[in-house]
């Protein structure tokens, strides 16, 4: 299965990480945010980005939003050559810790119905499906599960 997340530091992202986050997004998502959008979102009070830092290189990131008492996992991306090492799980765990620290009651996410790796991870952390959004994703057009869990 590959090496686990040992040796990786999960830390809050800084403005200096914007280019790496943008690049990883373009490698992971056909509809990735533009660099300017990432930079703008990182400045918001409602959002927090965490990066997986491996020996000074950003190999993954997660974007979480916090509004009132609800968290939202916006996305997690890991460089293709660094997958299956536990980095996405480590980022998810850090985001859940942040939800708890911010007194969130629930966290939500949306995931492509075909993303079996992500679905397995979310189920491992007790996310449950609330329903399906038809055709919510483009490139290719696909349905998405809405999932949540209590904090």
N, C-alpha and C. Protein backbone atom coordinates (compact mmCIF):
# COMPACT_ATOMS: atom_id res chain seq x y z
N UNK A 1 0.82 -1.20 0.00
CA UNK A 1 0.00 0.00 0.00
C UNK A 1 0.86 1.25 0.00
N UNK A 2 2.10 1.19 0.35
CA UNK A 2 2.96 2.36 0.39
C UNK A 2 3.21 2.82 1.80
N UNK A 3 4.11 3.78 1.93
CA UNK A 3 4.46 4.24 3.27
C UNK A 3 3.34 5.10 3.83
N UNK A 4 3.22 5.10 5.14
CA UNK A 4 2.19 5.89 5.80
C UNK A 4 2.65 7.33 5.95
N UNK A 5 1.85 8.12 6.61
CA UNK A 5 2.08 9.56 6.69
C UNK A 5 3.21 9.95 7.62
N UNK A 6 3.98 9.00 8.11
CA UNK A 6 5.08 9.36 8.99
C UNK A 6 6.06 10.26 8.24
N UNK A 7 6.59 11.21 8.96
CA UNK A 7 7.56 12.12 8.37
C UNK A 7 6.94 13.33 7.70
N UNK A 8 5.63 13.36 7.59
CA UNK A 8 4.98 14.52 6.98
C UNK A 8 4.45 15.43 8.09
N UNK A 9 4.59 16.71 7.88
CA UNK A 9 4.10 17.71 8.83
C UNK A 9 2.82 18.31 8.25
N UNK A 10 1.74 18.23 9.00
CA UNK A 10 0.50 18.89 8.60
C UNK A 10 0.47 20.23 9.33
N UNK A 11 0.49 21.29 8.55
CA UNK A 11 0.57 22.63 9.14
C UNK A 11 -0.39 23.58 8.42
N UNK A 12 -0.76 24.67 9.09
CA UNK A 12 -1.57 25.68 8.40
C UNK A 12 -0.79 26.24 7.22
N UNK A 13 -1.48 26.47 6.14
CA UNK A 13 -0.84 27.03 4.95
C UNK A 13 -0.58 28.52 5.16
N UNK A 14 0.43 29.00 4.46
CA UNK A 14 0.72 30.43 4.44
C UNK A 14 0.61 30.93 3.00
N UNK A 15 0.68 32.22 2.82
CA UNK A 15 0.59 32.81 1.47
C UNK A 15 1.68 32.23 0.55
N UNK A 16 2.82 31.87 1.11
CA UNK A 16 3.91 31.30 0.32
C UNK A 16 3.55 29.93 -0.27
N UNK A 17 2.51 29.30 0.25
CA UNK A 17 2.08 27.98 -0.24
C UNK A 17 1.07 28.07 -1.38
N UNK A 18 0.64 29.27 -1.73
CA UNK A 18 -0.43 29.44 -2.72
C UNK A 18 -0.10 28.75 -4.04
N UNK A 19 1.10 28.96 -4.56
CA UNK A 19 1.45 28.35 -5.84
C UNK A 19 1.41 26.83 -5.78
N UNK A 20 1.90 26.25 -4.70
CA UNK A 20 1.87 24.79 -4.55
C UNK A 20 0.44 24.28 -4.46
N UNK A 21 -0.40 24.97 -3.71
CA UNK A 21 -1.80 24.57 -3.58
C UNK A 21 -2.48 24.64 -4.94
N UNK A 22 -2.25 25.72 -5.65
CA UNK A 22 -2.84 25.86 -6.98
C UNK A 22 -2.37 24.74 -7.90
N UNK A 23 -1.08 24.47 -7.90
CA UNK A 23 -0.54 23.42 -8.77
C UNK A 23 -1.14 22.05 -8.45
N UNK A 24 -1.21 21.72 -7.17
CA UNK A 24 -1.79 20.43 -6.77
C UNK A 24 -3.26 20.38 -7.18
N UNK A 25 -3.96 21.48 -7.02
CA UNK A 25 -5.36 21.53 -7.45
C UNK A 25 -5.52 21.21 -8.92
N UNK A 26 -4.64 21.75 -9.76
CA UNK A 26 -4.74 21.49 -11.20
C UNK A 26 -4.39 20.05 -11.53
N UNK A 27 -3.57 19.41 -10.71
CA UNK A 27 -3.23 18.00 -10.93
C UNK A 27 -4.35 17.06 -10.47
N UNK A 28 -5.16 17.52 -9.53
CA UNK A 28 -6.18 16.66 -8.91
C UNK A 28 -7.59 16.87 -9.43
N UNK A 29 -7.91 18.08 -9.86
CA UNK A 29 -9.29 18.41 -10.17
C UNK A 29 -9.40 19.03 -11.55
N UNK A 30 -10.26 18.48 -12.40
CA UNK A 30 -10.42 19.06 -13.75
C UNK A 30 -11.02 20.46 -13.72
N UNK A 31 -11.70 20.80 -12.63
CA UNK A 31 -12.30 22.12 -12.49
C UNK A 31 -11.65 22.90 -11.35
N UNK A 32 -10.33 22.78 -11.25
CA UNK A 32 -9.58 23.41 -10.15
C UNK A 32 -9.77 24.92 -10.14
N UNK A 33 -9.69 25.47 -8.95
CA UNK A 33 -9.77 26.91 -8.80
C UNK A 33 -8.56 27.57 -9.44
N UNK A 34 -8.76 28.79 -9.91
CA UNK A 34 -7.64 29.58 -10.43
C UNK A 34 -6.76 30.01 -9.25
N UNK A 35 -5.51 30.33 -9.56
CA UNK A 35 -4.57 30.75 -8.52
C UNK A 35 -5.12 31.94 -7.73
N UNK A 36 -5.68 32.90 -8.45
CA UNK A 36 -6.23 34.10 -7.81
C UNK A 36 -7.36 33.74 -6.84
N UNK A 37 -8.19 32.77 -7.21
CA UNK A 37 -9.28 32.33 -6.35
C UNK A 37 -8.74 31.68 -5.08
N UNK A 38 -7.72 30.83 -5.22
CA UNK A 38 -7.10 30.20 -4.06
C UNK A 38 -6.54 31.28 -3.13
N UNK A 39 -5.79 32.22 -3.69
CA UNK A 39 -5.17 33.28 -2.88
C UNK A 39 -6.24 34.09 -2.14
N UNK A 40 -7.31 34.43 -2.84
CA UNK A 40 -8.39 35.20 -2.22
C UNK A 40 -9.06 34.40 -1.10
N UNK A 41 -9.34 33.13 -1.36
CA UNK A 41 -9.99 32.30 -0.35
C UNK A 41 -9.11 32.13 0.89
N UNK A 42 -7.82 32.00 0.68
CA UNK A 42 -6.91 31.83 1.82
C UNK A 42 -6.93 33.03 2.76
N UNK A 43 -7.29 34.18 2.25
CA UNK A 43 -7.33 35.40 3.06
C UNK A 43 -8.60 35.51 3.90
N UNK A 44 -9.61 34.72 3.59
CA UNK A 44 -10.90 34.84 4.27
C UNK A 44 -10.86 34.33 5.70
N UNK A 45 -11.63 34.98 6.55
CA UNK A 45 -11.72 34.58 7.95
C UNK A 45 -12.41 33.23 8.11
N UNK A 46 -13.22 32.87 7.14
CA UNK A 46 -14.01 31.64 7.21
C UNK A 46 -13.23 30.41 6.77
N UNK A 47 -12.09 30.59 6.13
CA UNK A 47 -11.39 29.44 5.55
C UNK A 47 -10.05 29.19 6.22
N UNK A 48 -9.66 27.93 6.19
CA UNK A 48 -8.35 27.50 6.72
C UNK A 48 -7.82 26.43 5.78
N UNK A 49 -6.60 26.60 5.35
CA UNK A 49 -5.93 25.61 4.51
C UNK A 49 -4.85 24.95 5.35
N UNK A 50 -4.77 23.63 5.20
CA UNK A 50 -3.70 22.87 5.82
C UNK A 50 -2.91 22.20 4.71
N UNK A 51 -1.60 22.15 4.87
CA UNK A 51 -0.77 21.50 3.86
C UNK A 51 -0.01 20.34 4.49
N UNK A 52 0.26 19.34 3.65
CA UNK A 52 1.13 18.23 4.03
C UNK A 52 2.51 18.61 3.52
N UNK A 53 3.42 18.87 4.44
CA UNK A 53 4.77 19.34 4.14
C UNK A 53 5.73 18.17 4.35
N UNK A 54 6.34 17.72 3.29
CA UNK A 54 7.30 16.62 3.36
C UNK A 54 8.67 17.16 3.02
N UNK A 55 9.48 17.32 4.04
CA UNK A 55 10.84 17.84 3.86
C UNK A 55 10.87 19.16 3.10
N UNK A 56 9.93 20.05 3.43
CA UNK A 56 9.90 21.37 2.82
C UNK A 56 9.12 21.45 1.52
N UNK A 57 8.58 20.35 1.04
CA UNK A 57 7.79 20.35 -0.19
C UNK A 57 6.33 20.10 0.16
N UNK A 58 5.44 20.93 -0.37
CA UNK A 58 4.01 20.74 -0.16
C UNK A 58 3.55 19.63 -1.11
N UNK A 59 3.09 18.53 -0.51
CA UNK A 59 2.65 17.37 -1.31
C UNK A 59 1.14 17.18 -1.29
N UNK A 60 0.45 17.96 -0.46
CA UNK A 60 -0.99 17.87 -0.39
C UNK A 60 -1.55 19.05 0.37
N UNK A 61 -2.86 19.25 0.22
CA UNK A 61 -3.52 20.35 0.94
C UNK A 61 -4.98 19.99 1.18
N UNK A 62 -5.56 20.68 2.12
CA UNK A 62 -6.98 20.60 2.38
C UNK A 62 -7.52 21.99 2.64
N UNK A 63 -8.68 22.27 2.10
CA UNK A 63 -9.36 23.54 2.32
C UNK A 63 -10.61 23.28 3.13
N UNK A 64 -10.74 23.97 4.25
CA UNK A 64 -11.89 23.84 5.14
C UNK A 64 -12.50 25.22 5.35
N UNK A 65 -13.81 25.27 5.38
CA UNK A 65 -14.53 26.50 5.71
C UNK A 65 -15.25 26.31 7.03
N UNK A 66 -15.35 27.40 7.79
CA UNK A 66 -16.01 27.39 9.09
C UNK A 66 -16.98 28.56 9.16
N UNK A 67 -18.28 28.26 9.26
CA UNK A 67 -19.30 29.29 9.31
C UNK A 67 -20.26 28.96 10.45
N UNK A 68 -20.36 29.88 11.37
CA UNK A 68 -21.18 29.75 12.57
C UNK A 68 -20.76 28.47 13.30
N UNK A 69 -21.56 27.40 13.25
CA UNK A 69 -21.19 26.16 13.94
C UNK A 69 -21.06 24.98 12.98
N UNK A 70 -20.87 25.29 11.69
CA UNK A 70 -20.71 24.24 10.68
C UNK A 70 -19.38 24.36 9.95
N UNK A 71 -18.73 23.22 9.81
CA UNK A 71 -17.52 23.16 9.00
C UNK A 71 -17.86 22.58 7.64
N UNK A 72 -17.03 22.88 6.68
CA UNK A 72 -17.17 22.27 5.36
C UNK A 72 -15.79 21.92 4.84
N UNK A 73 -15.65 20.67 4.44
CA UNK A 73 -14.44 20.26 3.74
C UNK A 73 -14.67 20.61 2.28
N UNK A 74 -13.95 21.58 1.78
CA UNK A 74 -14.12 22.04 0.40
C UNK A 74 -13.38 21.11 -0.55
N UNK A 75 -12.13 20.80 -0.24
CA UNK A 75 -11.39 19.80 -1.02
C UNK A 75 -10.10 19.39 -0.33
N UNK A 76 -9.67 18.21 -0.70
CA UNK A 76 -8.36 17.69 -0.32
C UNK A 76 -7.71 17.20 -1.60
N UNK A 77 -6.47 17.60 -1.80
CA UNK A 77 -5.72 17.14 -2.97
C UNK A 77 -4.32 16.73 -2.57
N UNK A 78 -3.84 15.65 -3.19
CA UNK A 78 -2.49 15.15 -2.95
C UNK A 78 -1.83 14.91 -4.30
N UNK A 79 -0.58 15.31 -4.43
CA UNK A 79 0.15 15.07 -5.68
C UNK A 79 0.02 13.59 -6.07
N UNK A 80 -0.26 13.32 -7.34
CA UNK A 80 -0.47 11.92 -7.76
C UNK A 80 0.64 10.97 -7.35
N UNK A 81 1.88 11.40 -7.42
CA UNK A 81 2.99 10.51 -7.07
C UNK A 81 3.14 10.31 -5.57
N UNK A 82 2.36 11.02 -4.77
CA UNK A 82 2.45 10.92 -3.31
C UNK A 82 1.20 10.29 -2.69
N UNK A 83 0.33 9.77 -3.49
CA UNK A 83 -0.91 9.18 -2.97
C UNK A 83 -0.65 7.81 -2.35
N UNK A 84 -1.62 7.36 -1.57
CA UNK A 84 -1.59 6.05 -0.90
C UNK A 84 -0.53 6.00 0.20
N UNK A 85 -0.23 7.15 0.79
CA UNK A 85 0.74 7.21 1.89
C UNK A 85 0.13 7.76 3.17
N UNK A 86 -1.17 8.03 3.14
CA UNK A 86 -1.85 8.51 4.33
C UNK A 86 -1.89 10.02 4.48
N UNK A 87 -1.44 10.76 3.47
CA UNK A 87 -1.40 12.22 3.58
C UNK A 87 -2.80 12.83 3.60
N UNK A 88 -3.69 12.35 2.75
CA UNK A 88 -5.06 12.88 2.75
C UNK A 88 -5.73 12.61 4.09
N UNK A 89 -5.51 11.44 4.64
CA UNK A 89 -6.09 11.12 5.95
C UNK A 89 -5.54 12.03 7.03
N UNK A 90 -4.25 12.31 6.99
CA UNK A 90 -3.64 13.20 7.99
C UNK A 90 -4.22 14.61 7.87
N UNK A 91 -4.45 15.07 6.65
CA UNK A 91 -5.05 16.39 6.44
C UNK A 91 -6.48 16.39 6.96
N UNK A 92 -7.24 15.36 6.65
CA UNK A 92 -8.62 15.26 7.15
C UNK A 92 -8.64 15.28 8.67
N UNK A 93 -7.79 14.51 9.31
CA UNK A 93 -7.74 14.48 10.77
C UNK A 93 -7.45 15.87 11.33
N UNK A 94 -6.52 16.59 10.69
CA UNK A 94 -6.18 17.95 11.16
C UNK A 94 -7.37 18.89 11.01
N UNK A 95 -8.10 18.75 9.92
CA UNK A 95 -9.30 19.56 9.72
C UNK A 95 -10.37 19.27 10.74
N UNK A 96 -10.54 17.99 11.08
CA UNK A 96 -11.52 17.62 12.11
C UNK A 96 -11.11 18.17 13.48
N UNK A 97 -9.82 18.17 13.76
CA UNK A 97 -9.33 18.77 15.01
C UNK A 97 -9.65 20.26 15.05
N UNK A 98 -9.47 20.92 13.90
CA UNK A 98 -9.78 22.36 13.83
C UNK A 98 -11.27 22.61 14.03
N UNK A 99 -12.10 21.73 13.48
CA UNK A 99 -13.55 21.85 13.70
C UNK A 99 -13.86 21.80 15.19
N UNK A 100 -13.25 20.88 15.87
CA UNK A 100 -13.47 20.74 17.32
C UNK A 100 -12.98 21.99 18.05
N UNK A 101 -11.79 22.48 17.69
CA UNK A 101 -11.23 23.66 18.34
C UNK A 101 -12.10 24.90 18.12
N UNK A 102 -12.79 24.95 16.99
CA UNK A 102 -13.65 26.10 16.66
C UNK A 102 -15.11 25.86 17.08
N UNK A 103 -15.34 24.80 17.83
CA UNK A 103 -16.68 24.48 18.34
C UNK A 103 -17.72 24.26 17.25
N UNK A 104 -17.30 23.67 16.15
CA UNK A 104 -18.24 23.30 15.10
C UNK A 104 -19.06 22.11 15.59
N UNK A 105 -20.30 22.04 15.18
CA UNK A 105 -21.15 20.92 15.58
C UNK A 105 -21.18 19.84 14.50
N UNK A 106 -21.08 20.25 13.25
CA UNK A 106 -21.20 19.34 12.12
C UNK A 106 -20.21 19.76 11.05
N UNK A 107 -19.75 18.80 10.27
CA UNK A 107 -18.95 19.11 9.09
C UNK A 107 -19.61 18.43 7.89
N UNK A 108 -19.62 19.16 6.78
CA UNK A 108 -20.21 18.68 5.54
C UNK A 108 -19.15 18.58 4.47
N UNK A 109 -19.41 17.77 3.46
CA UNK A 109 -18.57 17.70 2.28
C UNK A 109 -19.40 17.20 1.12
N UNK A 110 -18.85 17.35 -0.07
CA UNK A 110 -19.46 16.81 -1.27
C UNK A 110 -18.37 16.08 -2.03
N UNK A 111 -18.70 14.92 -2.58
CA UNK A 111 -17.70 14.08 -3.24
C UNK A 111 -18.34 13.41 -4.45
N UNK A 112 -17.54 13.28 -5.52
CA UNK A 112 -18.02 12.58 -6.71
C UNK A 112 -18.42 11.15 -6.34
N UNK A 113 -19.51 10.67 -6.92
CA UNK A 113 -19.95 9.31 -6.61
C UNK A 113 -18.93 8.26 -7.06
N UNK A 114 -18.08 8.60 -8.01
CA UNK A 114 -17.08 7.64 -8.52
C UNK A 114 -15.77 7.65 -7.74
N UNK A 115 -15.62 8.57 -6.79
CA UNK A 115 -14.34 8.71 -6.08
C UNK A 115 -14.28 7.71 -4.92
N UNK A 116 -14.01 6.46 -5.26
CA UNK A 116 -14.05 5.38 -4.26
C UNK A 116 -13.00 5.55 -3.17
N UNK A 117 -11.83 6.08 -3.49
CA UNK A 117 -10.79 6.29 -2.47
C UNK A 117 -11.25 7.30 -1.43
N UNK A 118 -11.79 8.42 -1.89
CA UNK A 118 -12.27 9.44 -0.97
C UNK A 118 -13.45 8.93 -0.15
N UNK A 119 -14.36 8.23 -0.81
CA UNK A 119 -15.52 7.68 -0.09
C UNK A 119 -15.09 6.73 1.01
N UNK A 120 -14.11 5.89 0.75
CA UNK A 120 -13.61 4.97 1.77
C UNK A 120 -13.03 5.74 2.95
N UNK A 121 -12.28 6.79 2.67
CA UNK A 121 -11.69 7.61 3.73
C UNK A 121 -12.79 8.27 4.56
N UNK A 122 -13.76 8.87 3.90
CA UNK A 122 -14.81 9.57 4.63
C UNK A 122 -15.65 8.61 5.46
N UNK A 123 -15.93 7.44 4.93
CA UNK A 123 -16.68 6.45 5.70
C UNK A 123 -15.88 5.98 6.92
N UNK A 124 -14.57 5.86 6.76
CA UNK A 124 -13.70 5.48 7.88
C UNK A 124 -13.83 6.48 9.03
N UNK A 125 -14.07 7.75 8.69
CA UNK A 125 -14.20 8.79 9.70
C UNK A 125 -15.67 9.14 9.98
N UNK A 126 -16.53 8.17 9.72
CA UNK A 126 -17.95 8.23 10.12
C UNK A 126 -18.78 9.30 9.43
N UNK A 127 -18.38 9.69 8.25
CA UNK A 127 -19.26 10.54 7.44
C UNK A 127 -20.37 9.66 6.90
N UNK A 128 -21.56 10.21 6.80
CA UNK A 128 -22.68 9.46 6.24
C UNK A 128 -23.29 10.28 5.11
N UNK A 129 -23.82 9.57 4.16
CA UNK A 129 -24.43 10.20 2.99
C UNK A 129 -25.80 10.75 3.35
N UNK A 130 -26.03 12.01 2.99
CA UNK A 130 -27.33 12.65 3.22
C UNK A 130 -28.18 12.64 1.96
N UNK A 131 -27.53 12.44 0.82
CA UNK A 131 -28.25 12.45 -0.44
C UNK A 131 -27.31 12.64 -1.60
N UNK A 132 -27.89 12.78 -2.78
CA UNK A 132 -27.12 12.92 -4.02
C UNK A 132 -27.53 14.21 -4.71
N UNK A 133 -26.55 14.97 -5.16
CA UNK A 133 -26.78 16.13 -6.02
C UNK A 133 -26.55 15.68 -7.45
N UNK A 134 -27.58 15.72 -8.25
CA UNK A 134 -27.51 15.26 -9.63
C UNK A 134 -26.71 16.23 -10.49
N UNK A 135 -25.74 15.69 -11.23
CA UNK A 135 -25.00 16.47 -12.21
C UNK A 135 -24.25 17.67 -11.66
N UNK A 136 -23.85 17.62 -10.40
CA UNK A 136 -23.22 18.78 -9.76
C UNK A 136 -21.79 19.02 -10.25
N UNK A 137 -21.12 17.98 -10.72
CA UNK A 137 -19.74 18.12 -11.20
C UNK A 137 -19.71 18.20 -12.72
N UNK A 138 -18.74 18.95 -13.21
CA UNK A 138 -18.46 19.03 -14.64
C UNK A 138 -17.11 18.37 -14.90
N UNK A 139 -16.85 18.12 -16.17
CA UNK A 139 -15.54 17.63 -16.63
C UNK A 139 -15.09 16.33 -15.95
N UNK A 140 -15.75 15.25 -16.01
CA UNK A 140 -17.03 15.00 -16.68
C UNK A 140 -18.21 15.29 -15.76
N UNK A 141 -19.36 15.41 -16.39
CA UNK A 141 -20.61 15.63 -15.64
C UNK A 141 -20.85 14.40 -14.76
N UNK A 142 -21.10 14.64 -13.48
CA UNK A 142 -21.27 13.52 -12.55
C UNK A 142 -22.05 13.97 -11.32
N UNK A 143 -22.70 13.02 -10.69
CA UNK A 143 -23.41 13.27 -9.45
C UNK A 143 -22.42 13.33 -8.29
N UNK A 144 -22.85 13.95 -7.20
CA UNK A 144 -22.03 14.02 -6.01
C UNK A 144 -22.83 13.67 -4.77
N UNK A 145 -22.20 12.94 -3.86
CA UNK A 145 -22.82 12.66 -2.57
C UNK A 145 -22.61 13.87 -1.66
N UNK A 146 -23.64 14.22 -0.92
CA UNK A 146 -23.51 15.17 0.18
C UNK A 146 -23.34 14.31 1.42
N UNK A 147 -22.28 14.57 2.18
CA UNK A 147 -22.00 13.77 3.37
C UNK A 147 -21.78 14.69 4.57
N UNK A 148 -21.99 14.15 5.75
CA UNK A 148 -21.74 14.92 6.97
C UNK A 148 -21.41 13.98 8.12
N UNK A 149 -20.93 14.59 9.16
CA UNK A 149 -20.74 13.90 10.43
C UNK A 149 -20.75 14.93 11.55
N UNK A 150 -21.11 14.44 12.72
CA UNK A 150 -21.08 15.28 13.91
C UNK A 150 -19.63 15.39 14.38
N UNK A 151 -19.33 16.50 15.03
CA UNK A 151 -17.97 16.70 15.56
C UNK A 151 -17.91 16.23 17.00
